[in-house]
Amino acid sequence: MAAQPPPAATDPAGGSGPGTPAGSPGLRERKKQQTREALIDAAHRLFLGQGFARTTVDEIASAVDVSQRTFFRYFANKDEVALAVLADAEDHFIGLLRRRPAEENPLRAMRAAIVESWRDLGSPLRTGSGSVSRALELLQMIEDNPTLLAAHLRRVTEQERVVAQVIAAREGLDPAEDLRPTVIAAVFGSVLRAAHLSWTADQEDTGPEGMIALIERHFDQLGPALAGDWRA
């Protein structure tokens, strides 16, 4: 009779085993993610309740019952934890952009990816730090705080660089030689920021569809603004 293979080992710290679906995070990773989400949630509540400037790292850590040292394992500073909601949304957008159909032109691909990203934020399954309400609240907080605004604009600049790289790869171009990916990424970022500013000024609709409608309206005007006769 042939010898039977030994049972798969289970990593008690969170590795895969018979009870862990392939590709799912282990226990350790899930706990780390839960701690990160809790820190983002606590920071967001404190920032909204007492202001960004008045909130300390110690207060955020204490609200989650962890040490300051633990906080700094996840975030470099207050700016980073404050912007984590949008940073995660930006990463999600980049992933969606990479998966857009190859036949779409760059602007269409970016527009579709950002709309899908906001719809995902508005999903009923997303009620925590990654929810659309948190993202919209954060946009308002950014505009009200010069420190956060500066940090956000630095992130926007970095995102434009990544978007240009993704577009260049999709189109088979060298962004060092062909400036079109850099230019279209900068245009995209500017239109998106204009839509965000329009929302923070009016706030007519706080749901994801309201933001999506604003984004769509701004992109609808891009062609006429660039090539149309403004006095016609």
Protein backbone atom coordinates (compact mmCIF):
# COMPACT_ATOMS: atom_id res chain seq x y z
CA MET A 1 0.00 0.00 0.00
CA ALA A 2 1.43 3.41 -0.99
CA ALA A 3 2.40 5.72 1.82
CA GLN A 4 0.02 8.61 2.33
CA PRO A 5 1.49 12.15 2.25
CA PRO A 6 1.63 13.91 5.61
CA PRO A 7 -1.13 16.42 6.32
CA ALA A 8 -0.40 20.03 5.40
CA ALA A 9 1.08 21.97 8.28
CA THR A 10 -0.87 24.83 9.72
CA ASP A 11 0.96 27.99 10.67
CA PRO A 12 -0.55 29.10 14.00
CA ALA A 13 0.66 32.62 13.30
CA GLY A 14 -1.50 32.93 10.23
CA GLY A 15 -0.01 30.80 7.45
CA SER A 16 -2.09 28.70 5.10
CA GLY A 17 -3.35 25.32 6.12
CA PRO A 18 -6.33 23.00 5.61
CA GLY A 19 -8.71 25.59 7.07
CA THR A 20 -7.29 28.61 5.25
CA PRO A 21 -8.53 29.25 1.71
CA ALA A 22 -5.80 29.65 -0.88
CA GLY A 23 -4.78 33.28 -1.28
CA SER A 24 -6.59 34.50 1.85
CA PRO A 25 -4.61 36.48 4.45
CA GLY A 26 -3.41 34.61 7.51
CA LEU A 27 -4.38 35.44 11.09
CA ARG A 28 -1.38 37.67 11.66
CA GLU A 29 -2.05 39.70 8.53
CA ARG A 30 -5.75 40.02 9.39
CA LYS A 31 -4.87 41.33 12.85
CA LYS A 32 -2.44 43.83 11.37
CA GLN A 33 -5.09 45.01 8.94
CA GLN A 34 -7.64 45.31 11.75
CA THR A 35 -5.22 47.41 13.81
CA ARG A 36 -4.50 49.66 10.83
CA GLU A 37 -8.22 50.12 10.14
CA ALA A 38 -8.86 50.88 13.82
CA LEU A 39 -6.14 53.55 13.83
CA ILE A 40 -7.55 55.17 10.69
CA ASP A 41 -11.07 55.08 12.15
CA ALA A 42 -9.98 56.58 15.50
CA ALA A 43 -7.90 59.28 13.83
CA HIS A 44 -10.74 60.25 11.53
CA ARG A 45 -13.20 60.56 14.42
CA LEU A 46 -10.77 62.62 16.49
CA PHE A 47 -9.87 64.89 13.58
CA LEU A 48 -13.53 65.58 12.85
CA GLY A 49 -14.42 66.02 16.52
CA GLN A 50 -11.60 68.26 17.77
CA GLY A 51 -9.64 69.28 14.70
CA PHE A 52 -6.51 67.96 13.00
CA ALA A 53 -4.08 70.34 14.72
CA ARG A 54 -5.36 69.61 18.24
CA THR A 55 -5.23 65.82 17.87
CA THR A 56 -2.03 64.06 18.94
CA VAL A 57 -0.58 60.72 17.95
CA ASP A 58 -0.86 59.64 21.59
CA GLU A 59 -4.61 60.30 21.54
CA ILE A 60 -5.05 58.25 18.37
CA ALA A 61 -3.04 55.35 19.77
CA SER A 62 -4.85 55.51 23.11
CA ALA A 63 -8.25 55.39 21.39
CA VAL A 64 -7.26 52.02 19.91
CA ASP A 65 -5.51 50.88 23.11
CA VAL A 66 -2.10 50.53 21.46
CA SER A 67 1.23 52.21 22.12
CA GLN A 68 2.69 55.16 20.24
CA ARG A 69 5.36 52.77 19.02
CA THR A 70 2.67 50.57 17.47
CA PHE A 71 1.16 53.60 15.74
CA PHE A 72 4.50 54.36 14.09
CA ARG A 73 4.72 50.81 12.76
CA TYR A 74 1.76 51.66 10.55
CA PHE A 75 2.06 55.39 9.85
CA ALA A 76 4.96 57.82 9.73
CA ASN A 77 2.97 60.74 11.12
CA LYS A 78 -0.49 62.31 11.54
CA ASP A 79 -0.60 63.42 7.90
CA GLU A 80 -0.23 59.85 6.71
CA VAL A 81 -2.98 58.40 8.88
CA ALA A 82 -5.28 61.30 7.98
CA LEU A 83 -4.79 60.74 4.25
CA ALA A 84 -4.91 56.94 4.47
CA VAL A 85 -8.55 56.82 3.33
CA LEU A 86 -7.76 58.60 0.07
CA ALA A 87 -4.41 56.83 -0.29
CA ASP A 88 -6.18 53.46 -0.22
CA ALA A 89 -8.77 54.75 -2.71
CA GLU A 90 -5.96 55.97 -5.00
CA ASP A 91 -4.27 52.57 -4.87
CA HIS A 92 -7.61 50.96 -5.74
CA PHE A 93 -8.00 53.34 -8.68
CA ILE A 94 -4.52 52.45 -9.99
CA GLY A 95 -5.41 48.75 -9.80
CA LEU A 96 -8.63 49.36 -11.74
CA LEU A 97 -6.77 51.42 -14.34
CA ARG A 98 -4.27 48.62 -14.92
CA ARG A 99 -7.19 46.27 -15.64
CA ARG A 100 -9.08 48.50 -18.10
CA PRO A 101 -9.48 47.04 -21.63
CA ALA A 102 -6.42 47.64 -23.79
CA GLU A 103 -8.51 49.10 -26.64
CA GLU A 104 -9.68 52.06 -24.53
CA ASN A 105 -7.81 55.30 -25.11
CA PRO A 106 -5.98 56.63 -22.03
CA LEU A 107 -8.50 59.29 -21.03
CA ARG A 108 -11.46 56.93 -21.39
CA ALA A 109 -9.64 54.29 -19.32
CA MET A 110 -8.82 56.78 -16.54
CA ARG A 111 -12.34 58.19 -16.49
CA ALA A 112 -13.92 54.73 -16.30
CA ALA A 113 -11.50 53.64 -13.56
CA ILE A 114 -12.16 56.69 -11.35
CA VAL A 115 -15.94 56.32 -11.69
CA GLU A 116 -15.69 52.62 -10.82
CA SER A 117 -13.46 53.49 -7.87
CA TRP A 118 -16.01 55.92 -6.41
CA ARG A 119 -18.81 53.40 -6.98
CA ASP A 120 -16.79 50.81 -5.07
CA LEU A 121 -16.34 53.29 -2.22
CA GLY A 122 -20.11 53.70 -2.14
CA SER A 123 -20.79 49.98 -1.88
CA PRO A 124 -22.97 49.01 1.11
CA LEU A 125 -20.23 46.54 2.02
CA ARG A 126 -17.81 49.39 2.70
CA THR A 127 -18.85 51.04 5.94
CA GLY A 128 -15.49 51.52 7.64
CA SER A 129 -12.45 53.65 6.88
CA GLY A 130 -12.75 52.87 3.18
CA SER A 131 -16.31 54.13 2.82
CA VAL A 132 -17.40 56.99 0.59
CA SER A 133 -18.60 59.06 3.56
CA ARG A 134 -15.11 58.99 5.04
CA ALA A 135 -13.56 59.97 1.71
CA LEU A 136 -15.94 62.91 1.28
CA GLU A 137 -15.41 64.09 4.87
CA LEU A 138 -11.66 63.90 4.32
CA LEU A 139 -11.85 66.01 1.16
CA GLN A 140 -13.51 68.77 3.17
CA MET A 141 -10.97 68.42 5.99
CA ILE A 142 -8.09 68.71 3.53
CA GLU A 143 -9.36 71.99 2.11
CA ASP A 144 -9.75 73.41 5.61
CA ASN A 145 -6.23 72.54 6.78
CA PRO A 146 -3.07 73.90 5.06
CA THR A 147 -0.85 71.13 6.47
CA LEU A 148 -3.10 68.39 5.16
CA LEU A 149 -3.55 70.19 1.85
CA ALA A 150 0.21 70.35 1.31
CA ALA A 151 0.57 66.65 2.14
CA HIS A 152 -2.34 65.80 -0.14
CA LEU A 153 -0.88 67.76 -3.06
CA ARG A 154 2.41 65.90 -2.63
CA ARG A 155 0.46 62.64 -2.88
CA VAL A 156 -1.40 63.89 -5.95
CA THR A 157 1.92 64.65 -7.65
CA GLU A 158 3.16 61.14 -6.88
CA GLN A 159 -0.09 59.62 -8.13
CA GLU A 160 0.22 61.51 -11.42
CA ARG A 161 3.69 60.02 -11.84
CA VAL A 162 2.33 56.50 -11.28
CA VAL A 163 -0.63 57.11 -13.62
CA ALA A 164 1.79 58.31 -16.33
CA GLN A 165 3.80 55.11 -15.92
CA VAL A 166 0.67 52.94 -16.17
CA ILE A 167 -0.53 54.79 -19.29
CA ALA A 168 2.92 54.55 -20.88
CA ALA A 169 3.01 50.81 -20.22
CA ARG A 170 -0.51 50.36 -21.67
CA GLU A 171 0.46 52.23 -24.83
CA GLY A 172 3.95 50.75 -25.17
CA LEU A 173 5.67 54.11 -24.77
CA ASP A 174 8.78 55.35 -23.02
CA PRO A 175 7.62 58.26 -20.79
CA ALA A 176 11.15 59.67 -20.82
CA GLU A 177 10.92 60.12 -24.60
CA ASP A 178 7.17 60.56 -25.17
CA LEU A 179 5.59 63.28 -23.03
CA ARG A 180 1.97 62.35 -23.73
CA PRO A 181 1.52 60.00 -20.72
CA THR A 182 2.85 62.69 -18.35
CA VAL A 183 0.68 65.38 -19.92
CA ILE A 184 -2.54 63.33 -19.89
CA ALA A 185 -1.91 62.22 -16.28
CA ALA A 186 -1.47 65.87 -15.25
CA VAL A 187 -4.65 66.88 -17.08
CA PHE A 188 -6.55 64.02 -15.46
CA GLY A 189 -5.33 64.99 -12.00
CA SER A 190 -6.30 68.63 -12.53
CA VAL A 191 -9.81 67.79 -13.74
CA LEU A 192 -10.31 65.46 -10.79
CA ARG A 193 -9.14 68.10 -8.31
CA ALA A 194 -11.50 70.65 -9.91
CA ALA A 195 -14.38 68.19 -9.36
CA HIS A 196 -13.35 67.67 -5.73
CA LEU A 197 -13.16 71.43 -5.16
CA SER A 198 -16.59 71.85 -6.71
CA TRP A 199 -17.99 69.29 -4.29
CA THR A 200 -16.42 70.89 -1.22
CA ALA A 201 -17.82 74.28 -2.31
CA ASP A 202 -21.41 73.10 -2.92
CA GLN A 203 -21.90 69.76 -1.13
CA GLU A 204 -25.30 69.37 -2.80
CA ASP A 205 -25.09 65.60 -2.69
CA THR A 206 -22.85 63.75 -0.22
CA GLY A 207 -23.37 60.32 -1.78
CA PRO A 208 -21.07 58.62 -4.29
CA GLU A 209 -23.43 59.31 -7.19
CA GLY A 210 -23.23 63.04 -6.44
CA MET A 211 -19.44 62.98 -6.65
CA ILE A 212 -19.53 60.77 -9.74
CA ALA A 213 -21.94 63.19 -11.43
CA LEU A 214 -19.53 66.07 -10.70
CA ILE A 215 -16.57 64.11 -12.05
CA GLU A 216 -18.51 63.23 -15.21
CA ARG A 217 -19.58 66.87 -15.72
CA HIS A 218 -16.01 68.09 -15.44
CA PHE A 219 -14.70 65.48 -17.88
CA ASP A 220 -17.51 66.27 -20.31
CA GLN A 221 -16.13 69.81 -20.50
CA LEU A 222 -12.52 68.77 -21.12
CA GLY A 223 -12.81 68.40 -24.90
CA PRO A 224 -14.68 71.69 -25.44
CA ALA A 225 -12.28 73.51 -23.09
CA LEU A 226 -9.21 72.28 -25.00
CA ALA A 227 -10.42 72.38 -28.60
CA GLY A 228 -13.77 74.13 -28.72
CA ASP A 229 -14.60 77.67 -29.77
CA TRP A 230 -15.45 79.34 -26.46
CA ARG A 231 -17.25 82.24 -28.15
CA ALA A 232 -19.41 80.20 -30.50
